Every structure is written in structure tokens, then in C-alpha cells.
Amino acid sequence: PIGNQYTTQGVCLSFEKSAIAERLASDDPEADEVWPRIFVSLEQALTKAVTVVSQSEQDDFRVKATATADQVQVYIVDNRQGGNGIASQVASHLAAVEDEVRNVVDCDYCGEYCENCLLIERTPATYLENDLLHRSRLETALTPS
């Protein structure tokens, strides 16, 4: 046979929830609303980063952030039946994906989101209507003290 054969697979990135919570600790009256913003913003940033690093389309993979009692977990999963190798590319180039996420959160063009950072193609309108894109909060969450 000619070409490559892939199996559907995924990558799970885990982060200590308490470390992120400490970075986000503040007297902000909207503190309860911070986790949905972090999850959505992280999903958007990773979607952009994976698209750039793997030179793929957004439809080729899925990114989903969830939390347990002590972990924030982000799943990056091949979106094609039988796989397409995106997850394995992410695993092989994790440092490049991290660098690209840093480029997204270091945006100099906006306050919270723009087409250069978190506002990516096919961003659901509900993200904007509910103020779920928040680049500066994501930067705080990802930057060690």
C-alpha cells in the first residue's frame, strides 16, 4: 500500500488545578466565572496552536478541557475515523505547541481577544455573548509566579 495508515488516538495534557487556582486567586467579584473562561480560552489557544504546528485544519482534531477535583485535563483527539496523525504530531512536537500557545497569550493587538489570538475561525457566537474568551486570564493561569 501507498501512504500512511493511522489509528485514531489522542493526547491528554494534565495540569495541577491548585497551581492554576493560586495564580488566579484574587478579590475579583467574578472569580466563580473564571474556570469556564479558562477552559474555553485554553481550548481556543490550543486549537490555534495545533493548527499552526501540525499544518492541519480545525476539523482534523478536537480539543476539550475538563477538570477533576485536582487536575485540569486537556484532550487533543484525532477527529477522523481511523485517525489522521494529528495527536501523534502534537505528542512529538509538544514544545512547539507550547511555544505557539505562548504566542497566542502574548498578543499585543487586543485586550481580551482578537483574530490574532483567541478569535479563531468558526468561534461559536455563544463564546462572545457570554464573555468566555479571556486572553489575559489565560495568560495569568499559564504563567508561573
Protein backbone atom coordinates (compact mmCIF):
# COMPACT_ATOMS: atom_id res chain seq x y z
CA PRO A 1 0.00 0.00 0.00
CA ILE A 2 0.98 3.57 -0.64
CA GLY A 3 0.64 6.29 2.03
CA ASN A 4 0.32 6.29 5.77
CA GLN A 5 -2.08 4.44 7.98
CA TYR A 6 -3.06 5.99 11.31
CA THR A 7 -5.20 4.89 14.17
CA THR A 8 -7.46 7.30 15.99
CA GLN A 9 -5.66 8.47 19.06
CA GLY A 10 -5.41 11.35 21.43
CA VAL A 11 -3.15 13.18 23.82
CA CYS A 12 -4.11 14.18 27.36
CA LEU A 13 -2.32 17.14 28.93
CA SER A 14 -2.72 17.40 32.72
CA PHE A 15 -2.11 20.43 34.90
CA GLU A 16 -2.32 20.82 38.67
CA LYS A 17 -5.60 22.63 39.32
CA SER A 18 -4.36 24.06 42.63
CA ALA A 19 -1.36 25.72 40.94
CA ILE A 20 -3.65 27.39 38.39
CA ALA A 21 -6.09 28.41 41.12
CA GLU A 22 -3.26 30.05 43.09
CA ARG A 23 -2.24 32.09 40.06
CA LEU A 24 -5.83 33.19 39.56
CA ALA A 25 -6.54 33.96 43.22
CA SER A 26 -7.84 37.48 43.64
CA ASP A 27 -10.59 39.54 45.16
CA ASP A 28 -12.32 39.66 41.79
CA PRO A 29 -16.11 39.53 42.21
CA GLU A 30 -16.29 37.37 39.06
CA ALA A 31 -13.92 34.71 40.47
CA ASP A 32 -16.58 31.98 40.22
CA GLU A 33 -16.82 32.56 36.49
CA VAL A 34 -13.09 32.14 35.88
CA TRP A 35 -12.99 28.37 35.15
CA PRO A 36 -15.30 28.39 32.12
CA ARG A 37 -13.28 31.30 30.72
CA ILE A 38 -10.01 29.45 31.30
CA PHE A 39 -11.33 26.25 29.69
CA VAL A 40 -12.76 27.96 26.61
CA SER A 41 -9.76 30.25 26.17
CA LEU A 42 -7.36 27.31 26.57
CA GLU A 43 -9.30 25.26 24.04
CA GLN A 44 -9.19 28.16 21.56
CA ALA A 45 -5.47 28.79 22.12
CA LEU A 46 -4.62 25.11 21.73
CA THR A 47 -6.78 24.79 18.64
CA LYS A 48 -4.88 27.64 17.03
CA ALA A 49 -1.51 26.26 18.19
CA VAL A 50 -2.20 22.71 16.96
CA THR A 51 -3.44 24.03 13.62
CA VAL A 52 -0.22 26.01 13.16
CA VAL A 53 2.20 23.32 14.38
CA SER A 54 0.57 20.39 12.56
CA GLN A 55 -0.37 22.46 9.49
CA SER A 56 -3.85 20.99 9.65
CA GLU A 57 -7.44 22.17 9.56
CA GLN A 58 -9.57 22.70 12.66
CA ASP A 59 -11.87 19.88 11.52
CA ASP A 60 -8.98 17.40 11.71
CA PHE A 61 -8.93 17.28 15.53
CA ARG A 62 -10.85 18.19 18.68
CA VAL A 63 -9.66 19.98 21.81
CA LYS A 64 -11.61 19.63 25.05
CA ALA A 65 -10.68 20.93 28.52
CA THR A 66 -12.19 19.39 31.66
CA ALA A 67 -11.40 19.32 35.35
CA THR A 68 -11.35 16.81 38.13
CA ALA A 69 -11.00 17.70 41.80
CA ASP A 70 -7.24 18.18 41.47
CA GLN A 71 -6.39 18.27 37.75
CA VAL A 72 -7.20 20.31 34.66
CA GLN A 73 -7.06 17.95 31.72
CA VAL A 74 -6.98 18.90 28.07
CA TYR A 75 -7.62 16.29 25.42
CA ILE A 76 -6.45 16.67 21.83
CA VAL A 77 -8.00 13.91 19.74
CA ASP A 78 -7.88 12.97 16.07
CA ASN A 79 -11.24 13.81 14.54
CA ARG A 80 -11.20 11.49 11.55
CA GLN A 81 -12.36 7.89 11.66
CA GLY A 82 -9.26 5.74 11.57
CA GLY A 83 -7.11 8.66 12.68
CA ASN A 84 -5.13 11.25 10.81
CA GLY A 85 -1.99 11.57 12.90
CA ILE A 86 -2.65 14.98 14.46
CA ALA A 87 -2.47 13.69 18.04
CA SER A 88 0.82 11.93 17.35
CA GLN A 89 2.21 15.15 15.81
CA VAL A 90 1.18 17.05 18.94
CA ALA A 91 2.89 14.46 21.14
CA SER A 92 6.05 14.66 19.01
CA HIS A 93 6.10 18.47 18.90
CA LEU A 94 4.74 19.39 22.33
CA ALA A 95 7.36 22.11 22.88
CA ALA A 96 6.37 23.79 19.60
CA VAL A 97 2.69 23.63 20.59
CA GLU A 98 3.54 25.22 23.95
CA ASP A 99 5.51 27.97 22.21
CA GLU A 100 2.59 28.68 19.89
CA VAL A 101 0.17 28.88 22.85
CA ARG A 102 2.58 31.41 24.42
CA ASN A 103 2.47 33.41 21.17
CA VAL A 104 -1.33 33.44 21.39
CA VAL A 105 -1.44 34.67 25.01
CA ASP A 106 1.29 37.25 24.36
CA CYS A 107 -0.90 39.07 21.80
CA ASP A 108 -0.10 42.78 21.61
CA TYR A 109 -3.12 43.71 19.50
CA CYS A 110 -6.03 43.43 21.93
CA GLY A 111 -7.33 43.43 25.46
CA GLU A 112 -9.07 40.06 25.66
CA TYR A 113 -9.39 38.53 22.20
CA CYS A 114 -8.91 39.32 18.53
CA GLU A 115 -8.32 37.49 15.26
CA ASN A 116 -4.61 37.33 16.13
CA CYS A 117 -5.15 35.30 19.29
CA LEU A 118 -8.31 33.61 20.63
CA LEU A 119 -10.84 34.58 17.97
CA ILE A 120 -10.32 31.74 15.54
CA GLU A 121 -12.33 30.53 12.57
CA ARG A 122 -15.73 29.11 13.49
CA THR A 123 -15.67 30.52 17.05
CA PRO A 124 -19.20 29.94 18.41
CA ALA A 125 -21.17 33.16 18.95
CA THR A 126 -22.02 31.98 22.48
CA TYR A 127 -18.36 32.36 23.44
CA LEU A 128 -18.57 36.06 22.61
CA GLU A 129 -22.06 36.59 24.01
CA ASN A 130 -21.05 35.04 27.35
CA ASP A 131 -17.63 36.72 27.55
CA LEU A 132 -15.80 33.37 27.58
CA LEU A 133 -12.71 34.44 25.62
CA HIS A 134 -10.26 35.99 28.03
CA ARG A 135 -6.64 36.11 26.90
CA SER A 136 -5.28 37.94 29.97
CA ARG A 137 -6.86 35.43 32.39
CA LEU A 138 -5.41 32.58 30.37
CA GLU A 139 -2.00 34.25 30.44
CA THR A 140 -2.24 34.54 34.23
CA ALA A 141 -3.30 30.89 34.52
CA LEU A 142 -0.42 29.62 32.38
CA THR A 143 2.38 31.81 33.70
CA PRO A 144 4.16 30.54 36.81
CA SER A 145 4.66 33.17 39.51
